[in-house]
Amino acid sequence: MPIRARLTARARAEVSEAVRWIAKDNAAAARSLRSAIDSLTQLIAEHPQVGVARPDLAAEPYRVAIVRGFPYIVVYDASKRPPWVVRVVHGARDLPEVLKDL
């Protein structure tokens, strides 16, 4: 079994909410989103520095990675082993406001 970054309860809830929302119109796209997030969590676990530092959004040790093919970002703590995904957020949201509690 491949190693993956761990998702906090909040991040798991955000993924579930996004998948449910998308599934209302397109079940295949919802499955693709979940698969893309699973792939990204594996990549993050294998290469914790793959995301970019975004001090305008979250201070170190947090990094940000884009979910390939979707308008979502993953915010994760790269200092943990395996890394911890703390947020999964739609990129159109007011990211500084949404992430201000990190």
Protein backbone atom coordinates (compact mmCIF):
# COMPACT_ATOMS: atom_id res chain seq x y z
CA MET A 1 0.00 0.00 0.00
CA PRO A 2 1.44 3.38 -0.96
CA ILE A 3 2.20 5.85 1.79
CA ARG A 4 -0.02 8.93 1.77
CA ALA A 5 -0.16 12.21 3.59
CA ARG A 6 -2.68 12.11 6.43
CA LEU A 7 -5.82 14.21 6.27
CA THR A 8 -7.05 15.98 9.37
CA ALA A 9 -10.73 15.61 10.25
CA ARG A 10 -11.38 19.06 8.79
CA ALA A 11 -9.64 18.21 5.51
CA ARG A 12 -11.54 14.90 5.25
CA ALA A 13 -14.82 16.79 5.78
CA GLU A 14 -13.87 19.32 3.09
CA VAL A 15 -13.08 16.54 0.62
CA SER A 16 -16.37 14.80 1.38
CA GLU A 17 -18.29 18.04 0.97
CA ALA A 18 -16.63 18.79 -2.39
CA VAL A 19 -17.23 15.26 -3.67
CA ARG A 20 -20.90 15.37 -2.63
CA TRP A 21 -21.36 18.78 -4.27
CA ILE A 22 -19.82 17.67 -7.57
CA ALA A 23 -21.63 14.31 -7.52
CA LYS A 24 -24.98 16.12 -7.66
CA ASP A 25 -24.23 16.94 -11.31
CA ASN A 26 -21.48 14.51 -12.31
CA ALA A 27 -20.68 11.33 -10.39
CA ALA A 28 -17.69 10.53 -12.62
CA ALA A 29 -16.15 13.96 -11.95
CA ALA A 30 -16.67 13.46 -8.21
CA ARG A 31 -14.82 10.14 -8.37
CA SER A 32 -12.07 11.83 -10.38
CA LEU A 33 -11.70 14.53 -7.74
CA ARG A 34 -11.33 11.93 -5.00
CA SER A 35 -8.78 10.05 -7.10
CA ALA A 36 -6.83 13.24 -7.84
CA ILE A 37 -6.68 14.07 -4.13
CA ASP A 38 -5.55 10.52 -3.31
CA SER A 39 -2.79 10.81 -5.93
CA LEU A 40 -1.72 14.18 -4.57
CA THR A 41 -1.57 12.89 -0.99
CA GLN A 42 0.70 10.09 -2.18
CA LEU A 43 2.94 12.57 -4.03
CA ILE A 44 3.09 14.85 -0.98
CA ALA A 45 4.05 11.92 1.25
CA GLU A 46 6.84 10.89 -1.12
CA HIS A 47 8.02 14.46 -1.82
CA PRO A 48 6.96 16.79 1.01
CA GLN A 49 8.48 19.86 -0.64
CA VAL A 50 6.47 19.43 -3.87
CA GLY A 51 4.05 22.18 -2.88
CA VAL A 52 4.97 25.82 -2.72
CA ALA A 53 5.44 28.01 0.30
CA ARG A 54 2.76 30.70 0.33
CA PRO A 55 3.50 32.97 3.28
CA ASP A 56 0.66 35.23 2.12
CA LEU A 57 -1.73 32.35 2.89
CA ALA A 58 -0.03 30.30 5.62
CA ALA A 59 3.29 30.49 7.46
CA GLU A 60 5.91 27.76 7.34
CA PRO A 61 5.80 24.79 7.67
CA TYR A 62 2.61 24.90 5.57
CA ARG A 63 2.85 24.42 1.83
CA VAL A 64 0.20 24.61 -0.90
CA ALA A 65 -0.37 22.22 -3.80
CA ILE A 66 -2.96 22.35 -6.57
CA VAL A 67 -5.22 19.36 -7.16
CA ARG A 68 -4.49 18.48 -10.77
CA GLY A 69 -7.45 19.03 -13.06
CA PHE A 70 -9.59 20.70 -10.41
CA PRO A 71 -9.85 24.21 -8.92
CA TYR A 72 -8.94 22.99 -5.44
CA ILE A 73 -5.84 23.53 -3.35
CA VAL A 74 -4.42 21.37 -0.61
CA VAL A 75 -2.68 23.03 2.33
CA TYR A 76 -0.39 20.72 4.25
CA ASP A 77 2.19 20.67 7.02
CA ALA A 78 5.40 19.56 5.33
CA SER A 79 7.26 19.20 8.65
CA LYS A 80 5.23 16.14 9.73
CA ARG A 81 6.14 12.61 8.64
CA PRO A 82 4.01 11.75 6.84
CA PRO A 83 2.80 15.26 6.02
CA TRP A 84 -0.61 16.30 7.31
CA VAL A 85 -3.18 17.82 4.96
CA VAL A 86 -4.97 20.45 7.01
CA ARG A 87 -7.27 22.03 4.41
CA VAL A 88 -8.74 21.23 0.99
CA VAL A 89 -10.26 24.44 -0.37
CA HIS A 90 -11.76 25.62 -3.65
CA GLY A 91 -9.35 28.10 -5.22
CA ALA A 92 -12.08 30.65 -5.97
CA ARG A 93 -12.68 31.29 -2.29
CA ASP A 94 -11.11 34.20 -0.43
CA LEU A 95 -8.05 32.17 0.50
CA PRO A 96 -6.43 34.64 2.93
CA GLU A 97 -9.73 34.84 4.81
CA VAL A 98 -10.44 31.09 4.70
CA LEU A 99 -6.92 30.16 5.80
CA LYS A 100 -6.37 32.88 8.41
CA ASP A 101 -6.66 30.39 11.29
CA LEU A 102 -3.58 28.41 10.22
